[in-house]
Amino acid sequence: MQMTNIQTLPENADTGFWDAIAEKYAKGAIADMAGYEKTLKRIGELLSRDDQVLELGCGTGSSALRLAPLVGRYTATDLSP
């Protein structure tokens, strides 16, 4: 699995809204952990090592970290660092 961290964003991009809530979101617990785990399991069952995934708006990347080992290439990006 290849993981690459590339951050490029146009200078005029408006990320203020997402930057303002990113820290709060990252600190908060998942409200329905059982539902989250069930969803990740279902998605995982649909993936294979031949797949390439592009996740837009990955937030903290918690789902990406769990799903990336299941595919050949996983690219995740978000406007907020």
PDB file of N, CA and C in Angstrom:
ATOM      1  N   MET A   1       0.844  -1.169   0.000  1.00  0.00           N
ATOM      2  CA  MET A   1       0.000   0.000   0.000  1.00  0.00           C
ATOM      3  C   MET A   1       0.891   1.235   0.000  1.00  0.00           C
ATOM      4  N   GLN A   2       0.645   2.120  -0.921  1.00  0.00           N
ATOM      5  CA  GLN A   2       1.398   3.354  -1.020  1.00  0.00           C
ATOM      6  C   GLN A   2       0.555   4.486  -0.463  1.00  0.00           C
ATOM      7  N   MET A   3       1.099   5.224   0.499  1.00  0.00           N
ATOM      8  CA  MET A   3       0.393   6.375   1.048  1.00  0.00           C
ATOM      9  C   MET A   3       1.227   7.614   0.759  1.00  0.00           C
ATOM     10  N   THR A   4       0.608   8.609   0.173  1.00  0.00           N
ATOM     11  CA  THR A   4       1.291   9.838  -0.180  1.00  0.00           C
ATOM     12  C   THR A   4       0.523  11.008   0.400  1.00  0.00           C
ATOM     13  N   ASN A   5       1.238  11.964   0.948  1.00  0.00           N
ATOM     14  CA  ASN A   5       0.606  13.151   1.499  1.00  0.00           C
ATOM     15  C   ASN A   5       1.001  14.340   0.640  1.00  0.00           C
ATOM     16  N   ILE A   6       0.074  14.817  -0.173  1.00  0.00           N
ATOM     17  CA  ILE A   6       0.315  15.965  -1.035  1.00  0.00           C
ATOM     18  C   ILE A   6      -0.732  17.009  -0.706  1.00  0.00           C
ATOM     19  N   GLN A   7      -0.290  18.206  -0.391  1.00  0.00           N
ATOM     20  CA  GLN A   7      -1.235  19.268  -0.079  1.00  0.00           C
ATOM     21  C   GLN A   7      -1.063  20.398  -1.081  1.00  0.00           C
ATOM     22  N   THR A   8      -2.023  20.548  -1.950  1.00  0.00           N
ATOM     23  CA  THR A   8      -2.042  21.677  -2.875  1.00  0.00           C
ATOM     24  C   THR A   8      -3.452  22.239  -2.879  1.00  0.00           C
ATOM     25  N   LEU A   9      -3.544  23.531  -2.797  1.00  0.00           N
ATOM     26  CA  LEU A   9      -4.839  24.189  -2.733  1.00  0.00           C
ATOM     27  C   LEU A   9      -4.697  25.573  -3.345  1.00  0.00           C
ATOM     28  N   PRO A  10      -5.605  25.960  -4.210  1.00  0.00           N
ATOM     29  CA  PRO A  10      -5.524  27.308  -4.775  1.00  0.00           C
ATOM     30  C   PRO A  10      -5.543  28.354  -3.668  1.00  0.00           C
ATOM     31  N   GLU A  11      -4.812  29.421  -3.852  1.00  0.00           N
ATOM     32  CA  GLU A  11      -4.734  30.459  -2.827  1.00  0.00           C
ATOM     33  C   GLU A  11      -6.085  31.091  -2.529  1.00  0.00           C
ATOM     34  N   ASN A  12      -6.982  31.076  -3.491  1.00  0.00           N
ATOM     35  CA  ASN A  12      -8.282  31.712  -3.290  1.00  0.00           C
ATOM     36  C   ASN A  12      -9.336  30.754  -2.733  1.00  0.00           C
ATOM     37  N   ALA A  13      -8.952  29.552  -2.363  1.00  0.00           N
ATOM     38  CA  ALA A  13      -9.911  28.582  -1.824  1.00  0.00           C
ATOM     39  C   ALA A  13     -10.409  29.045  -0.458  1.00  0.00           C
ATOM     40  N   ASP A  14     -11.707  28.944  -0.243  1.00  0.00           N
ATOM     41  CA  ASP A  14     -12.306  29.359   1.022  1.00  0.00           C
ATOM     42  C   ASP A  14     -12.458  28.142   1.924  1.00  0.00           C
ATOM     43  N   THR A  15     -11.516  27.962   2.810  1.00  0.00           N
ATOM     44  CA  THR A  15     -11.550  26.812   3.713  1.00  0.00           C
ATOM     45  C   THR A  15     -11.924  27.209   5.134  1.00  0.00           C
ATOM     46  N   GLY A  16     -12.213  28.470   5.351  1.00  0.00           N
ATOM     47  CA  GLY A  16     -12.474  28.972   6.698  1.00  0.00           C
ATOM     48  C   GLY A  16     -13.536  28.200   7.456  1.00  0.00           C
ATOM     49  N   PHE A  17     -14.650  27.893   6.808  1.00  0.00           N
ATOM     50  CA  PHE A  17     -15.730  27.165   7.478  1.00  0.00           C
ATOM     51  C   PHE A  17     -15.238  25.821   7.983  1.00  0.00           C
ATOM     52  N   TRP A  18     -14.572  25.065   7.107  1.00  0.00           N
ATOM     53  CA  TRP A  18     -14.120  23.722   7.467  1.00  0.00           C
ATOM     54  C   TRP A  18     -12.989  23.776   8.483  1.00  0.00           C
ATOM     55  N   ASP A  19     -12.109  24.754   8.368  1.00  0.00           N
ATOM     56  CA  ASP A  19     -11.034  24.893   9.345  1.00  0.00           C
ATOM     57  C   ASP A  19     -11.596  25.149  10.737  1.00  0.00           C
ATOM     58  N   ALA A  20     -12.675  25.916  10.796  1.00  0.00           N
ATOM     59  CA  ALA A  20     -13.267  26.273  12.082  1.00  0.00           C
ATOM     60  C   ALA A  20     -13.863  25.066  12.806  1.00  0.00           C
ATOM     61  N   ILE A  21     -14.387  24.106  12.062  1.00  0.00           N
ATOM     62  CA  ILE A  21     -15.008  22.955  12.724  1.00  0.00           C
ATOM     63  C   ILE A  21     -14.102  21.723  12.759  1.00  0.00           C
ATOM     64  N   ALA A  22     -12.980  21.759  12.049  1.00  0.00           N
ATOM     65  CA  ALA A  22     -12.117  20.575  11.944  1.00  0.00           C
ATOM     66  C   ALA A  22     -11.613  20.097  13.302  1.00  0.00           C
ATOM     67  N   GLU A  23     -11.139  21.021  14.126  1.00  0.00           N
ATOM     68  CA  GLU A  23     -10.588  20.628  15.423  1.00  0.00           C
ATOM     69  C   GLU A  23     -11.665  20.022  16.317  1.00  0.00           C
ATOM     70  N   LYS A  24     -12.835  20.646  16.345  1.00  0.00           N
ATOM     71  CA  LYS A  24     -13.943  20.125  17.155  1.00  0.00           C
ATOM     72  C   LYS A  24     -14.348  18.731  16.667  1.00  0.00           C
ATOM     73  N   TYR A  25     -14.437  18.572  15.353  1.00  0.00           N
ATOM     74  CA  TYR A  25     -14.815  17.288  14.773  1.00  0.00           C
ATOM     75  C   TYR A  25     -13.798  16.206  15.139  1.00  0.00           C
ATOM     76  N   ALA A  26     -12.525  16.545  15.048  1.00  0.00           N
ATOM     77  CA  ALA A  26     -11.466  15.572  15.315  1.00  0.00           C
ATOM     78  C   ALA A  26     -11.472  15.113  16.770  1.00  0.00           C
ATOM     79  N   LYS A  27     -11.858  15.996  17.674  1.00  0.00           N
ATOM     80  CA  LYS A  27     -11.865  15.660  19.099  1.00  0.00           C
ATOM     81  C   LYS A  27     -13.117  14.896  19.520  1.00  0.00           C
ATOM     82  N   GLY A  28     -14.181  15.019  18.740  1.00  0.00           N
ATOM     83  CA  GLY A  28     -15.451  14.408  19.107  1.00  0.00           C
ATOM     84  C   GLY A  28     -15.484  12.906  18.860  1.00  0.00           C
ATOM     85  N   ALA A  29     -16.207  12.219  19.701  1.00  0.00           N
ATOM     86  CA  ALA A  29     -16.375  10.771  19.541  1.00  0.00           C
ATOM     87  C   ALA A  29     -17.435  10.488  18.478  1.00  0.00           C
ATOM     88  N   ILE A  30     -17.312   9.353  17.840  1.00  0.00           N
ATOM     89  CA  ILE A  30     -18.322   8.925  16.868  1.00  0.00           C
ATOM     90  C   ILE A  30     -19.588   8.591  17.646  1.00  0.00           C
ATOM     91  N   ALA A  31     -20.690   9.213  17.268  1.00  0.00           N
ATOM     92  CA  ALA A  31     -21.940   9.076  18.024  1.00  0.00           C
ATOM     93  C   ALA A  31     -22.478   7.650  18.010  1.00  0.00           C
ATOM     94  N   ASP A  32     -22.374   6.966  16.890  1.00  0.00           N
ATOM     95  CA  ASP A  32     -22.896   5.604  16.751  1.00  0.00           C
ATOM     96  C   ASP A  32     -21.761   4.686  16.299  1.00  0.00           C
ATOM     97  N   MET A  33     -20.930   4.281  17.244  1.00  0.00           N
ATOM     98  CA  MET A  33     -19.751   3.475  16.912  1.00  0.00           C
ATOM     99  C   MET A  33     -20.137   2.145  16.274  1.00  0.00           C
ATOM    100  N   ALA A  34     -21.200   1.527  16.740  1.00  0.00           N
ATOM    101  CA  ALA A  34     -21.631   0.252  16.158  1.00  0.00           C
ATOM    102  C   ALA A  34     -22.029   0.443  14.694  1.00  0.00           C
ATOM    103  N   GLY A  35     -22.736   1.521  14.412  1.00  0.00           N
ATOM    104  CA  GLY A  35     -23.128   1.820  13.038  1.00  0.00           C
ATOM    105  C   GLY A  35     -21.926   2.122  12.156  1.00  0.00           C
ATOM    106  N   TYR A  36     -20.967   2.845  12.707  1.00  0.00           N
ATOM    107  CA  TYR A  36     -19.735   3.172  11.979  1.00  0.00           C
ATOM    108  C   TYR A  36     -18.964   1.899  11.633  1.00  0.00           C
ATOM    109  N   GLU A  37     -18.806   1.025  12.615  1.00  0.00           N
ATOM    110  CA  GLU A  37     -18.101  -0.243  12.395  1.00  0.00           C
ATOM    111  C   GLU A  37     -18.832  -1.103  11.365  1.00  0.00           C
ATOM    112  N   LYS A  38     -20.150  -1.139  11.451  1.00  0.00           N
ATOM    113  CA  LYS A  38     -20.949  -1.919  10.499  1.00  0.00           C
ATOM    114  C   LYS A  38     -20.775  -1.373   9.081  1.00  0.00           C
ATOM    115  N   THR A  39     -20.774  -0.057   8.958  1.00  0.00           N
ATOM    116  CA  THR A  39     -20.591   0.570   7.647  1.00  0.00           C
ATOM    117  C   THR A  39     -19.212   0.257   7.083  1.00  0.00           C
ATOM    118  N   LEU A  40     -18.168   0.378   7.896  1.00  0.00           N
ATOM    119  CA  LEU A  40     -16.817   0.054   7.431  1.00  0.00           C
ATOM    120  C   LEU A  40     -16.713  -1.410   7.010  1.00  0.00           C
ATOM    121  N   LYS A  41     -17.363  -2.286   7.752  1.00  0.00           N
ATOM    122  CA  LYS A  41     -17.339  -3.712   7.410  1.00  0.00           C
ATOM    123  C   LYS A  41     -18.009  -3.950   6.060  1.00  0.00           C
ATOM    124  N   ARG A  42     -19.163  -3.326   5.853  1.00  0.00           N
ATOM    125  CA  ARG A  42     -19.878  -3.476   4.566  1.00  0.00           C
ATOM    126  C   ARG A  42     -19.057  -2.946   3.405  1.00  0.00           C
ATOM    127  N   ILE A  43     -18.470  -1.782   3.590  1.00  0.00           N
ATOM    128  CA  ILE A  43     -17.629  -1.214   2.530  1.00  0.00           C
ATOM    129  C   ILE A  43     -16.444  -2.128   2.268  1.00  0.00           C
ATOM    130  N   GLY A  44     -15.819  -2.614   3.328  1.00  0.00           N
ATOM    131  CA  GLY A  44     -14.672  -3.508   3.191  1.00  0.00           C
ATOM    132  C   GLY A  44     -14.993  -4.762   2.401  1.00  0.00           C
ATOM    133  N   GLU A  45     -16.201  -5.259   2.544  1.00  0.00           N
ATOM    134  CA  GLU A  45     -16.619  -6.461   1.812  1.00  0.00           C
ATOM    135  C   GLU A  45     -16.755  -6.202   0.315  1.00  0.00           C
ATOM    136  N   LEU A  46     -16.908  -4.946  -0.063  1.00  0.00           N
ATOM    137  CA  LEU A  46     -17.051  -4.587  -1.478  1.00  0.00           C
ATOM    138  C   LEU A  46     -15.710  -4.284  -2.151  1.00  0.00           C
ATOM    139  N   LEU A  47     -14.670  -4.133  -1.360  1.00  0.00           N
ATOM    140  CA  LEU A  47     -13.362  -3.750  -1.886  1.00  0.00           C
ATOM    141  C   LEU A  47     -12.475  -4.954  -2.153  1.00  0.00           C
ATOM    142  N   SER A  48     -11.522  -4.763  -3.075  1.00  0.00           N
ATOM    143  CA  SER A  48     -10.527  -5.809  -3.337  1.00  0.00           C
ATOM    144  C   SER A  48      -9.165  -5.158  -3.555  1.00  0.00           C
ATOM    145  N   ARG A  49      -8.119  -5.969  -3.549  1.00  0.00           N
ATOM    146  CA  ARG A  49      -6.753  -5.469  -3.740  1.00  0.00           C
ATOM    147  C   ARG A  49      -6.571  -4.832  -5.116  1.00  0.00           C
ATOM    148  N   ASP A  50      -7.450  -5.112  -6.063  1.00  0.00           N
ATOM    149  CA  ASP A  50      -7.357  -4.532  -7.404  1.00  0.00           C
ATOM    150  C   ASP A  50      -7.996  -3.144  -7.489  1.00  0.00           C
ATOM    151  N   ASP A  51      -8.685  -2.728  -6.448  1.00  0.00           N
ATOM    152  CA  ASP A  51      -9.419  -1.462  -6.470  1.00  0.00           C
ATOM    153  C   ASP A  51      -8.520  -0.257  -6.204  1.00  0.00           C
ATOM    154  N   GLN A  52      -8.960   0.872  -6.743  1.00  0.00           N
ATOM    155  CA  GLN A  52      -8.373   2.172  -6.448  1.00  0.00           C
ATOM    156  C   GLN A  52      -9.500   3.044  -5.910  1.00  0.00           C
ATOM    157  N   VAL A  53      -9.270   3.695  -4.787  1.00  0.00           N
ATOM    158  CA  VAL A  53     -10.305   4.497  -4.135  1.00  0.00           C
ATOM    159  C   VAL A  53      -9.861   5.954  -4.073  1.00  0.00           C
ATOM    160  N   LEU A  54     -10.790   6.854  -4.365  1.00  0.00           N
ATOM    161  CA  LEU A  54     -10.578   8.288  -4.183  1.00  0.00           C
ATOM    162  C   LEU A  54     -11.640   8.771  -3.207  1.00  0.00           C
ATOM    163  N   GLU A  55     -11.216   9.217  -2.045  1.00  0.00           N
ATOM    164  CA  GLU A  55     -12.144   9.735  -1.041  1.00  0.00           C
ATOM    165  C   GLU A  55     -11.970  11.250  -0.956  1.00  0.00           C
ATOM    166  N   LEU A  56     -13.030  11.964  -1.261  1.00  0.00           N
ATOM    167  CA  LEU A  56     -13.025  13.426  -1.190  1.00  0.00           C
ATOM    168  C   LEU A  56     -13.711  13.856   0.094  1.00  0.00           C
ATOM    169  N   GLY A  57     -13.086  14.762   0.822  1.00  0.00           N
ATOM    170  CA  GLY A  57     -13.659  15.206   2.091  1.00  0.00           C
ATOM    171  C   GLY A  57     -13.444  14.181   3.183  1.00  0.00           C
ATOM    172  N   CYS A  58     -12.220  13.677   3.295  1.00  0.00           N
ATOM    173  CA  CYS A  58     -11.935  12.577   4.227  1.00  0.00           C
ATOM    174  C   CYS A  58     -11.843  13.018   5.678  1.00  0.00           C
ATOM    175  N   GLY A  59     -11.883  14.313   5.944  1.00  0.00           N
ATOM    176  CA  GLY A  59     -11.827  14.779   7.331  1.00  0.00           C
ATOM    177  C   GLY A  59     -10.546  14.344   8.010  1.00  0.00           C
ATOM    178  N   THR A  60     -10.677  13.665   9.126  1.00  0.00           N
ATOM    179  CA  THR A  60      -9.505  13.229   9.884  1.00  0.00           C
ATOM    180  C   THR A  60      -8.796  12.041   9.242  1.00  0.00           C
ATOM    181  N   GLY A  61      -9.435  11.404   8.298  1.00  0.00           N
ATOM    182  CA  GLY A  61      -8.822  10.256   7.629  1.00  0.00           C
ATOM    183  C   GLY A  61      -9.013   8.940   8.360  1.00  0.00           C
ATOM    184  N   SER A  62      -9.856   8.920   9.379  1.00  0.00           N
ATOM    185  CA  SER A  62     -10.024   7.696  10.173  1.00  0.00           C
ATOM    186  C   SER A  62     -10.565   6.537   9.339  1.00  0.00           C
ATOM    187  N   SER A  63     -11.501   6.820   8.457  1.00  0.00           N
ATOM    188  CA  SER A  63     -12.026   5.750   7.593  1.00  0.00           C
ATOM    189  C   SER A  63     -10.978   5.322   6.580  1.00  0.00           C
ATOM    190  N   ALA A  64     -10.243   6.282   6.040  1.00  0.00           N
ATOM    191  CA  ALA A  64      -9.187   5.974   5.067  1.00  0.00           C
ATOM    192  C   ALA A  64      -8.144   5.043   5.672  1.00  0.00           C
ATOM    193  N   LEU A  65      -7.758   5.303   6.898  1.00  0.00           N
ATOM    194  CA  LEU A  65      -6.750   4.462   7.549  1.00  0.00           C
ATOM    195  C   LEU A  65      -7.234   3.030   7.731  1.00  0.00           C
ATOM    196  N   ARG A  66      -8.519   2.868   7.938  1.00  0.00           N
ATOM    197  CA  ARG A  66      -9.081   1.527   8.121  1.00  0.00           C
ATOM    198  C   ARG A  66      -9.273   0.797   6.799  1.00  0.00           C
ATOM    199  N   LEU A  67      -9.627   1.538   5.738  1.00  0.00           N
ATOM    200  CA  LEU A  67      -9.963   0.908   4.460  1.00  0.00           C
ATOM    201  C   LEU A  67      -8.776   0.780   3.510  1.00  0.00           C
ATOM    202  N   ALA A  68      -7.796   1.647   3.626  1.00  0.00           N
ATOM    203  CA  ALA A  68      -6.660   1.652   2.695  1.00  0.00           C
ATOM    204  C   ALA A  68      -5.939   0.310   2.582  1.00  0.00           C
ATOM    205  N   PRO A  69      -5.746  -0.433   3.665  1.00  0.00           N
ATOM    206  CA  PRO A  69      -5.045  -1.718   3.533  1.00  0.00           C
ATOM    207  C   PRO A  69      -5.798  -2.756   2.694  1.00  0.00           C
ATOM    208  N   LEU A  70      -7.064  -2.507   2.401  1.00  0.00           N
ATOM    209  CA  LEU A  70      -7.881  -3.472   1.670  1.00  0.00           C
ATOM    210  C   LEU A  70      -7.803  -3.309   0.156  1.00  0.00           C
ATOM    211  N   VAL A  71      -7.198  -2.211  -0.312  1.00  0.00           N
ATOM    212  CA  VAL A  71      -7.172  -1.913  -1.744  1.00  0.00           C
ATOM    213  C   VAL A  71      -5.745  -1.690  -2.230  1.00  0.00           C
ATOM    214  N   GLY A  72      -5.603  -1.650  -3.550  1.00  0.00           N
ATOM    215  CA  GLY A  72      -4.288  -1.425  -4.128  1.00  0.00           C
ATOM    216  C   GLY A  72      -3.811   0.007  -3.973  1.00  0.00           C
ATOM    217  N   ARG A  73      -4.729   0.954  -4.083  1.00  0.00           N
ATOM    218  CA  ARG A  73      -4.372   2.372  -3.957  1.00  0.00           C
ATOM    219  C   ARG A  73      -5.549   3.118  -3.345  1.00  0.00           C
ATOM    220  N   TYR A  74      -5.257   3.936  -2.350  1.00  0.00           N
ATOM    221  CA  TYR A  74      -6.281   4.719  -1.668  1.00  0.00           C
ATOM    222  C   TYR A  74      -5.786   6.159  -1.585  1.00  0.00           C
ATOM    223  N   THR A  75      -6.522   7.059  -2.191  1.00  0.00           N
ATOM    224  CA  THR A  75      -6.177   8.474  -2.154  1.00  0.00           C
ATOM    225  C   THR A  75      -7.285   9.205  -1.416  1.00  0.00           C
ATOM    226  N   ALA A  76      -6.917   9.931  -0.374  1.00  0.00           N
ATOM    227  CA  ALA A  76      -7.894  10.667   0.422  1.00  0.00           C
ATOM    228  C   ALA A  76      -7.446  12.117   0.526  1.00  0.00           C
ATOM    229  N   THR A  77      -8.399  13.024   0.403  1.00  0.00           N
ATOM    230  CA  THR A  77      -8.059  14.444   0.465  1.00  0.00           C
ATOM    231  C   THR A  77      -9.155  15.222   1.180  1.00  0.00           C
ATOM    232  N   ASP A  78      -8.748  16.348   1.747  1.00  0.00           N
ATOM    233  CA  ASP A  78      -9.689  17.205   2.449  1.00  0.00           C
ATOM    234  C   ASP A  78      -9.194  18.643   2.352  1.00  0.00           C
ATOM    235  N   LEU A  79     -10.103  19.608   2.387  1.00  0.00           N
ATOM    236  CA  LEU A  79      -9.706  21.011   2.321  1.00  0.00           C
ATOM    237  C   LEU A  79      -8.980  21.478   3.569  1.00  0.00           C
ATOM    238  N   SER A  80      -9.346  20.936   4.715  1.00  0.00           N
ATOM    239  CA  SER A  80      -8.731  21.350   5.975  1.00  0.00           C
ATOM    240  C   SER A  80      -7.608  20.401   6.349  1.00  0.00           C
ATOM    241  N   PRO A  81      -6.514  20.957   6.872  1.00  0.00           N
ATOM    242  CA  PRO A  81      -5.384  20.085   7.255  1.00  0.00           C
ATOM    243  C   PRO A  81      -5.707  19.227   8.464  1.00  0.00           C
TER     244      PRO A  81
END
